[in-house]
Protein backbone atom coordinates (compact mmCIF):
# COMPACT_ATOMS: atom_id res chain seq x y z
CA MET A 1 124.30 112.61 89.74
CA PRO A 2 127.72 110.94 89.24
CA GLU A 3 128.78 109.74 85.80
CA PHE A 4 128.26 106.00 85.25
CA ASP A 5 129.88 103.56 82.86
CA THR A 6 126.79 102.65 80.85
CA GLY A 7 128.82 100.04 79.00
CA LEU A 8 128.93 97.86 82.13
CA PRO A 9 125.71 95.82 82.38
CA VAL A 10 124.44 94.30 85.64
CA LEU A 11 123.01 90.88 86.49
CA LEU A 12 120.94 90.77 89.69
CA PHE A 13 121.56 87.30 91.10
CA ARG A 14 118.80 85.68 93.17
CA THR A 15 118.23 82.12 94.34
CA ASN A 16 115.21 82.65 96.58
CA HIS A 17 111.91 82.21 94.73
CA TYR A 18 109.95 85.17 96.06
CA PRO A 19 108.21 87.12 93.27
CA LEU A 20 107.41 90.09 95.55
CA HIS A 21 111.02 91.00 96.32
CA HIS A 22 110.82 94.78 96.15
CA GLY A 23 114.58 95.15 96.62
CA THR A 24 115.10 93.64 93.18
CA LEU A 25 112.68 96.12 91.65
CA ALA A 26 114.45 98.98 93.44
CA ALA A 27 117.81 97.88 91.97
CA VAL A 28 116.32 97.57 88.47
CA ARG A 29 114.83 101.06 88.64
CA SER A 30 117.86 102.74 90.22
CA LEU A 31 120.34 101.37 87.69
CA GLY A 32 117.96 101.61 84.74
CA ARG A 33 117.22 105.27 85.42
CA ALA A 34 120.98 105.88 85.29
CA GLY A 35 121.09 104.40 81.78
CA ILE A 36 122.62 101.08 82.85
CA GLU A 37 121.51 97.83 81.20
CA VAL A 38 119.97 95.62 83.89
CA HIS A 39 119.33 91.88 83.79
CA ALA A 40 117.84 89.75 86.58
CA LEU A 41 117.13 86.12 87.45
CA LEU A 42 113.37 86.12 87.99
CA GLU A 43 110.40 83.79 88.39
CA GLY A 44 109.16 84.67 84.91
CA ARG A 45 106.10 86.78 84.15
CA ALA A 46 104.71 85.92 87.60
CA SER A 47 107.19 88.42 89.00
CA PRO A 48 105.96 92.05 88.86
CA VAL A 49 109.63 93.03 88.47
CA SER A 50 109.62 91.44 85.01
CA ARG A 51 107.20 94.16 83.83
CA SER A 52 109.47 97.08 84.71
CA ARG A 53 110.35 99.36 81.79
CA TYR A 54 113.87 99.61 83.22
CA LEU A 55 114.61 95.87 83.01
CA GLY A 56 116.73 94.98 79.99
CA ARG A 57 115.91 91.26 80.15
CA SER A 58 114.81 88.66 82.67
CA HIS A 59 116.44 85.23 82.81
CA GLU A 60 115.14 82.04 84.37
CA PHE A 61 116.29 80.84 87.77
CA GLY A 62 119.12 78.34 87.82
CA PRO A 63 119.51 75.16 89.89
CA HIS A 64 119.67 75.33 93.68
CA PRO A 65 123.09 76.51 94.97
CA SER A 66 123.69 73.00 96.33
CA ASP A 67 124.16 72.01 92.67
CA ALA A 68 127.26 74.17 92.31
CA SER A 69 128.34 72.99 88.86
CA GLY A 70 124.79 73.31 87.52
CA LEU A 71 124.36 76.85 88.85
CA LEU A 72 127.82 77.93 87.64
CA GLY A 73 126.96 76.61 84.17
CA HIS A 74 123.63 78.44 84.20
CA LEU A 75 125.25 81.74 85.20
CA ALA A 76 127.86 81.30 82.46
CA ARG A 77 125.12 80.81 79.86
CA VAL A 78 123.31 83.95 81.08
CA ALA A 79 126.56 85.92 80.85
CA GLY A 80 126.94 84.62 77.29
CA ARG A 81 123.48 85.91 76.38
CA ILE A 82 124.31 89.33 77.80
CA GLY A 83 127.41 89.39 75.63
CA ARG A 84 129.66 91.46 77.92
CA ALA A 85 130.99 90.57 81.34
CA PRO A 86 128.30 91.99 83.64
CA LEU A 87 128.61 93.11 87.24
CA LEU A 88 127.12 90.30 89.35
CA ILE A 89 125.14 91.65 92.31
CA PRO A 90 123.79 89.04 94.78
CA MET A 91 120.34 89.92 96.12
CA ASP A 92 119.89 87.24 98.79
CA ASP A 93 122.08 85.45 101.33
CA ALA A 94 122.46 82.21 99.39
CA ALA A 95 123.51 84.12 96.27
CA ALA A 96 126.05 86.13 98.30
CA LEU A 97 127.54 82.99 99.84
CA PHE A 98 127.64 81.21 96.49
CA SER A 99 129.36 84.19 94.84
CA ALA A 100 132.01 84.29 97.57
CA ASP A 101 132.61 80.51 97.55
CA HIS A 102 132.99 80.40 93.73
CA ARG A 103 134.58 83.78 93.20
CA THR A 104 137.54 82.43 91.20
CA VAL A 105 135.35 80.65 88.65
CA LEU A 106 132.80 83.46 88.40
CA ALA A 107 135.55 86.04 87.80
CA ASN A 108 136.07 84.49 84.36
CA ARG A 109 132.61 85.65 83.26
CA PHE A 110 131.62 88.48 85.60
CA ARG A 111 132.82 91.54 87.39
CA LEU A 112 132.35 90.95 91.08
CA PRO A 113 131.83 93.47 93.88
CA GLY A 114 134.19 93.42 96.80
CA MET A 115 132.92 90.93 99.35
CA SER A 116 134.03 89.40 102.59
CA HIS A 117 136.16 86.28 102.23
CA ALA A 118 133.94 84.46 104.73
CA PRO A 119 130.43 85.95 104.58
CA GLY A 120 129.05 82.71 105.99
CA GLU A 121 130.43 83.70 109.40
CA VAL A 122 127.94 86.55 109.61
CA ALA A 123 125.09 85.11 107.51
CA ASP A 124 124.89 81.97 109.67
CA LYS A 125 123.21 83.30 112.80
CA SER A 126 124.78 80.71 115.13
CA SER A 127 128.27 81.55 113.80
CA LEU A 128 127.47 85.25 114.10
CA LEU A 129 126.69 84.79 117.79
CA GLU A 130 130.08 83.17 118.36
CA CYS A 131 131.87 85.89 116.38
CA CYS A 132 130.17 88.58 118.44
CA ARG A 133 130.90 86.89 121.73
CA ARG A 134 134.59 86.58 120.84
CA ALA A 135 134.78 90.20 119.68
CA GLY A 136 132.77 91.62 122.57
CA ILE A 137 129.91 92.82 120.36
CA PRO A 138 126.56 93.12 122.21
CA VAL A 139 123.94 90.54 121.23
CA PRO A 140 120.70 89.52 122.97
CA PRO A 141 121.05 86.68 125.51
CA SER A 142 120.59 83.51 123.48
CA HIS A 143 120.51 79.74 123.69
CA VAL A 144 121.55 77.43 120.85
CA PRO A 145 120.69 73.75 121.49
CA SER A 146 123.69 71.52 120.94
CA GLY A 147 121.88 68.25 120.38
CA THR A 148 118.49 66.60 120.39
CA ARG A 149 117.63 67.69 123.94
CA LEU A 150 116.27 71.13 124.72
CA SER A 151 116.92 72.64 128.14
CA GLU A 152 113.72 73.93 129.70
CA ALA A 153 115.73 75.65 132.45
CA GLU A 154 117.83 77.57 129.91
CA LEU A 155 114.75 78.87 128.13
CA ASP A 156 112.97 79.72 131.39
CA ALA A 157 116.01 81.79 132.37
CA LEU A 158 115.74 83.79 129.13
CA GLY A 159 112.03 84.41 129.71
CA TYR A 160 109.04 84.09 127.39
CA PRO A 161 108.08 85.03 124.77
CA LEU A 162 111.29 84.16 122.94
CA ILE A 163 112.41 85.10 119.48
CA VAL A 164 113.11 81.90 117.53
CA LYS A 165 115.22 82.13 114.39
CA TRP A 166 116.83 79.63 112.07
CA ALA A 167 120.61 79.75 111.78
CA ARG A 168 120.61 79.37 107.98
CA PRO A 169 117.20 80.60 106.81
CA TRP A 170 118.16 80.41 103.12
CA MET A 171 118.14 76.60 103.51
CA LEU A 172 114.53 76.44 104.73
CA PRO A 173 111.86 74.78 102.57
CA ARG A 174 110.07 77.29 100.38
CA GLY A 175 107.32 79.20 102.18
CA SER A 176 108.80 78.75 105.68
CA ARG A 177 109.13 81.65 108.09
CA SER A 178 112.69 82.37 109.21
CA THR A 179 111.74 84.07 112.50
CA THR A 180 108.83 83.53 114.88
CA LEU A 181 107.86 83.73 118.55
CA ALA A 182 107.62 80.95 121.13
CA HIS A 183 105.29 81.81 124.01
CA ASP A 184 106.00 78.71 126.12
CA PHE A 185 108.21 75.63 126.31
CA ARG A 186 105.73 73.51 124.35
CA GLN A 187 106.02 75.81 121.32
CA ALA A 188 109.80 76.05 121.72
CA ARG A 189 110.15 72.27 121.84
CA ALA A 190 108.00 71.85 118.72
CA LEU A 191 110.26 74.23 116.77
CA HIS A 192 113.37 72.47 118.05
CA HIS A 193 111.98 69.10 116.95
CA LEU A 194 111.18 70.59 113.55
CA SER A 195 114.82 71.65 113.19
CA LEU A 196 115.82 67.99 113.54
CA ALA A 197 113.52 66.87 110.72
CA GLU A 198 115.27 65.89 107.51
CA ASP A 199 113.78 68.69 105.39
CA HIS A 200 114.74 71.38 107.96
CA ARG A 201 118.05 70.08 109.26
CA ALA A 202 120.19 72.06 106.81
CA ALA A 203 118.64 75.32 108.06
CA GLY A 204 119.23 74.60 111.74
CA PRO A 205 119.82 74.84 114.54
CA VAL A 206 117.08 77.09 115.82
CA ILE A 207 118.28 79.90 118.06
CA PHE A 208 116.25 81.01 121.08
CA GLN A 209 116.80 84.67 121.86
CA GLN A 210 115.61 86.93 124.62
CA VAL A 211 113.44 89.86 123.58
CA VAL A 212 115.43 92.98 124.46
CA GLY A 213 113.88 96.43 124.34
CA ASP A 214 110.76 96.77 122.21
CA THR A 215 109.80 97.50 118.63
CA ARG A 216 110.01 101.26 119.23
CA HIS A 217 113.78 100.79 119.33
CA ASP A 218 114.40 98.80 116.14
CA TRP A 219 117.24 100.20 114.04
CA PHE A 220 119.03 99.04 110.91
CA PHE A 221 122.14 99.97 108.97
CA GLN A 222 122.96 99.48 105.31
CA GLY A 223 126.31 100.30 103.78
CA TYR A 224 129.29 99.27 101.69
CA PHE A 225 132.77 98.59 103.13
CA ASP A 226 135.97 98.69 101.09
CA ASP A 227 138.84 96.18 101.12
CA ASP A 228 140.14 97.71 104.36
CA SER A 229 136.71 97.51 106.01
CA ASN A 230 136.25 101.28 105.82
CA LEU A 231 132.73 102.58 105.20
CA VAL A 232 132.35 103.99 101.67
CA PHE A 233 128.65 104.87 101.82
CA GLY A 234 125.84 104.02 104.19
CA GLY A 235 123.15 105.17 106.58
CA VAL A 236 121.22 104.39 109.74
CA GLY A 237 117.48 103.84 109.60
CA LYS A 238 114.77 103.43 112.20
CA LYS A 239 112.10 100.81 111.70
CA ARG A 240 108.81 102.64 112.16
CA LEU A 241 106.62 99.68 111.27
CA ALA A 242 107.31 95.99 110.65
CA TYR A 243 105.40 93.02 109.28
CA PRO A 244 104.85 90.78 111.17
CA ARG A 245 104.89 93.47 113.85
CA ARG A 246 107.33 91.96 116.36
CA THR A 247 109.55 89.78 114.19
CA GLY A 248 109.20 91.02 110.63
CA ALA A 249 110.87 93.08 107.94
CA THR A 250 110.71 96.85 107.60
CA VAL A 251 107.42 98.17 106.24
CA VAL A 252 108.07 101.83 107.06
CA GLY A 253 111.63 103.04 107.64
CA GLU A 254 113.16 106.47 108.19
CA TRP A 255 116.73 107.70 107.61
CA LEU A 256 117.90 109.36 110.82
CA PRO A 257 121.19 110.71 112.20
CA ASN A 258 122.64 108.33 114.77
CA PRO A 259 126.42 108.91 115.02
CA ARG A 260 126.72 106.51 117.93
CA LEU A 261 125.23 103.56 116.06
CA GLU A 262 127.14 104.40 112.87
CA GLY A 263 130.37 104.49 114.88
CA HIS A 264 129.45 101.15 116.43
CA VAL A 265 128.92 99.64 112.95
CA ARG A 266 132.24 101.00 111.65
CA ALA A 267 134.08 99.45 114.60
CA LEU A 268 132.15 96.18 114.21
CA ALA A 269 133.11 95.86 110.53
CA LYS A 270 136.76 96.51 111.41
CA ARG A 271 136.75 93.88 114.15
CA LEU A 272 135.18 91.31 111.82
CA GLY A 273 137.33 92.34 108.84
CA TYR A 274 134.18 92.66 106.78
CA THR A 275 134.16 93.96 103.19
CA GLY A 276 131.35 94.51 100.68
CA PRO A 277 127.65 95.34 101.04
CA ALA A 278 125.97 94.79 104.40
CA ASP A 279 122.48 94.97 105.91
CA LEU A 280 122.40 94.89 109.72
CA ASP A 281 119.54 94.93 112.25
CA PHE A 282 119.81 96.23 115.81
CA ARG A 283 117.60 96.56 118.87
CA TYR A 284 118.39 99.28 121.39
CA ASP A 285 118.30 97.87 124.94
CA GLN A 286 117.17 100.58 127.36
CA ARG A 287 118.35 98.51 130.34
CA ASP A 288 122.05 99.04 129.63
CA GLY A 289 122.01 101.56 126.77
CA THR A 290 123.51 99.18 124.19
CA TYR A 291 122.63 98.36 120.60
CA SER A 292 122.30 94.59 120.34
CA LEU A 293 123.07 93.10 116.93
CA LEU A 294 120.19 90.92 115.69
CA ASP A 295 121.15 90.12 112.09
CA TYR A 296 124.04 90.69 109.71
CA ASN A 297 123.24 90.06 106.06
CA PRO A 298 126.24 90.09 103.65
CA ARG A 299 124.34 91.68 100.76
CA LEU A 300 122.28 94.60 99.59
CA GLY A 301 119.21 95.10 101.80
CA ALA A 302 115.73 95.27 100.27
CA GLN A 303 115.19 98.79 101.69
CA PHE A 304 118.45 100.20 100.31
CA ARG A 305 116.61 102.95 98.42
CA LEU A 306 115.86 104.61 101.75
CA PHE A 307 119.48 105.74 101.73
CA THR A 308 119.35 107.81 98.54
CA ASP A 309 121.23 111.05 99.06
CA ARG A 310 120.69 114.53 97.63
CA VAL A 311 122.47 113.76 94.34
CA GLY A 312 120.76 110.40 93.79
CA THR A 313 123.56 108.15 95.05
CA ASP A 314 122.41 104.88 96.63
CA LEU A 315 124.10 101.60 97.49
CA VAL A 316 123.51 99.77 94.21
CA ARG A 317 124.89 102.76 92.32
CA VAL A 318 127.89 102.81 94.66
CA MET A 319 128.57 99.18 93.78
CA HIS A 320 128.43 99.99 90.06
CA LEU A 321 130.72 103.03 90.43
CA LEU A 322 133.33 101.00 92.32
CA ALA A 323 133.17 98.10 89.86
CA SER A 324 133.81 100.49 86.95
CA GLY A 325 136.69 102.25 88.71
CA ARG A 326 134.81 105.51 89.18
CA PRO A 327 134.91 107.63 92.35
CA VAL A 328 132.03 107.60 94.82
CA PRO A 329 130.96 111.16 95.67
CA PRO A 330 130.76 112.06 99.38
CA ALA A 331 127.36 111.21 100.79
CA ARG A 332 124.89 114.05 101.26
CA PRO A 333 122.30 112.52 103.63
CA VAL A 334 118.58 113.29 103.51
CA PHE A 335 117.61 112.76 107.14
CA GLY A 336 113.88 112.27 107.55
CA ARG A 337 113.54 110.50 104.21
CA LYS A 338 111.10 107.54 104.46
CA ILE A 339 110.38 104.37 102.52
CA LEU A 340 107.14 102.38 102.65
CA VAL A 341 106.34 98.88 101.35
CA GLU A 342 102.72 99.07 100.17
CA ASN A 343 101.84 95.38 99.93
CA HIS A 344 102.56 94.97 103.67
CA TYR A 345 101.42 98.42 104.81
CA LEU A 346 97.88 98.30 103.42
CA PRO A 347 96.92 95.04 105.22
CA LEU A 348 98.34 96.47 108.46
CA MET A 349 95.97 99.45 108.12
CA ALA A 350 93.08 97.04 108.59
CA THR A 351 94.42 95.49 111.80
CA THR A 352 96.50 98.22 113.46
CA ARG A 353 96.54 102.01 113.46
CA PRO A 354 99.48 103.24 111.43
CA ARG A 355 99.35 106.75 110.00
CA GLY A 356 97.07 105.74 107.15
CA PHE A 357 97.26 107.18 103.67
CA ALA A 358 99.28 110.22 104.78
CA ALA A 359 102.31 107.97 105.15
CA LEU A 360 101.85 106.81 101.55
CA ARG A 361 102.07 110.40 100.32
CA GLU A 362 105.14 111.25 102.40
CA SER A 363 107.34 108.25 101.56
CA GLU A 364 109.14 106.70 98.63
CA LEU A 365 107.03 103.70 97.73
CA ALA A 366 108.54 100.30 97.06
CA TRP A 367 106.17 99.41 94.20
CA LEU A 368 104.36 102.46 92.88
CA ALA A 369 106.36 104.81 90.64
CA ALA A 370 104.87 107.34 88.22
CA ASP A 371 107.46 106.52 85.56
CA ASP A 372 107.10 102.73 85.93
CA LEU A 373 103.50 101.74 86.67
CA ALA A 374 103.45 98.20 85.27
CA PRO A 375 105.00 96.43 88.30
CA MET A 376 102.39 97.95 90.64
CA THR A 377 99.45 97.17 88.38
CA THR A 378 100.71 93.59 88.04
CA LEU A 379 101.04 93.32 91.83
CA VAL A 380 97.47 94.62 92.33
CA ARG A 381 96.04 92.20 89.73
CA GLN A 382 97.80 89.25 91.31
CA SER A 383 96.73 90.29 94.82
CA LEU A 384 93.10 90.56 93.74
CA ARG A 385 93.22 87.12 92.13
CA VAL A 386 94.71 85.60 95.29
CA ALA A 387 92.11 87.35 97.46
CA ALA A 388 89.29 86.12 95.22
CA ARG A 389 90.53 82.53 95.39
CA ARG A 390 90.82 82.71 99.16
CA ALA A 391 87.36 84.21 99.50
CA ALA A 392 85.93 81.49 97.28
CA GLY A 393 87.51 78.85 99.45
CA ARG A 394 86.22 80.40 102.68
CA VAL A 395 82.57 80.78 101.62
CA PRO A 396 81.10 77.29 101.69
CA SER A 397 78.09 76.13 99.74
CA ALA A 398 74.76 76.07 101.61
CA GLU A 399 74.81 72.28 101.76
CA ARG A 400 78.35 72.09 103.18
CA LEU A 401 77.51 74.86 105.64
CA GLY A 402 74.58 72.88 107.02
CA ARG A 403 76.69 69.75 107.47
CA ARG A 404 79.43 71.78 109.22
CA LEU A 405 77.02 73.38 111.68
CA ALA A 406 75.40 70.04 112.36
CA ARG A 407 78.77 68.51 113.25
CA ARG A 408 79.48 71.39 115.64
CA ALA A 409 76.18 71.00 117.53
CA PRO A 410 74.78 67.51 116.84
CA GLU A 411 72.50 67.57 119.86
CA THR A 412 70.47 70.47 118.41
CA PRO A 413 68.47 69.73 115.25
CA LEU A 414 69.11 72.40 112.65
CA PRO A 415 66.54 73.72 110.21
CA PRO A 416 67.38 73.26 106.54
CA VAL A 417 69.78 75.87 105.22
CA PRO A 418 68.19 77.72 102.32
CA PRO A 419 70.12 77.39 99.06
CA ASP A 420 70.81 81.10 98.54
CA SER A 421 73.46 83.70 99.33
CA SER A 422 71.94 84.48 102.74
CA ALA A 423 73.56 81.33 104.10
CA ALA A 424 77.00 82.75 103.54
CA ALA A 425 75.96 86.03 105.15
CA ASP A 426 74.53 84.18 108.16
CA HIS A 427 77.78 82.17 108.40
CA GLY A 428 79.72 85.43 108.53
CA ARG A 429 77.57 86.72 111.41
CA ARG A 430 77.86 83.55 113.46
CA HIS A 431 81.58 83.03 112.95
CA PRO A 432 83.40 86.35 112.49
């Protein structure tokens, strides 16, 4: 393991309220195990990350990034509590964009990782499409509506189902999905109309994209590029399982050798002049043998721990080494290494046929760690409470059940529903 400057603390900077962000936990554990003091903006005790033994201190979320002066003031106060200028590591797109836009002011209180001068060009998916088209970088055939009208002919030419993604997903209302499928023009038009609504307009437009290849050919790359856009450390992973299955994030990923894709990424970063951490998604298109770029996130990816080499170096440790002026050792890849996100994998076991519990034994787990059990136990407790509340809401009382069945078949008189638990059981048999 390389030698770290344990006098340089870290603040993990998030703006997206999502308590189950396992990438934040991975960063806390990786840095904390190296003896580095780690702080994070969290949702409070509702976040399982707040229970990690490796977290120095959690701090409350600040104002929305649209309130720039308010968020800058909040970050300055957090830096004051820490007492030394910490390394600021953005953990979501909005935090990365905010850090780049306000770099000069933040540099008075923080050490900042190298980052692209215009990360918005790649984070905004409509801008990314234009960048790729200008630079000759393969992307799936796409249509971006330019106004209030949506061309049915354009979408028919792409072919259904279509991937539908928001250009600026970090601006969506909380709880919204950033990517979905449209199976026909009616669904596509509904999503387009939603993008014109006041509470969704900042996240738009929606982008309609042809499905190229299939989910057996989903690849991703995570790495760090220096000020000359040269790769310092990184790796190529294959998405073995996703949630949701066709449009979702990595649930099981594997580190594999793919010199062609890595070379493609190196050239892409050079053409875009990109610097800093990056998380990219690709789909291999068997029709023409190309890797189409799907997403380019200007930040650390949630699955970065997949790319942990033989001496324990990973991307968040690389960022700390560079910020403290220490050398980054040459990468020693561990091809075949896997990562698995339990809170998405276990529900998939009930509806699909992944490899079952064997995969849990063979992978690094996002939540469960023998030396840091509290986050996992907190996650399980919260999940059970949520499941219990949902179950309580889905099992109606006998009286309400009778009224519901009567409304469904008013022409057939129903016998009285007995006021006992058998009613709920009967309801389950009739309506699976």
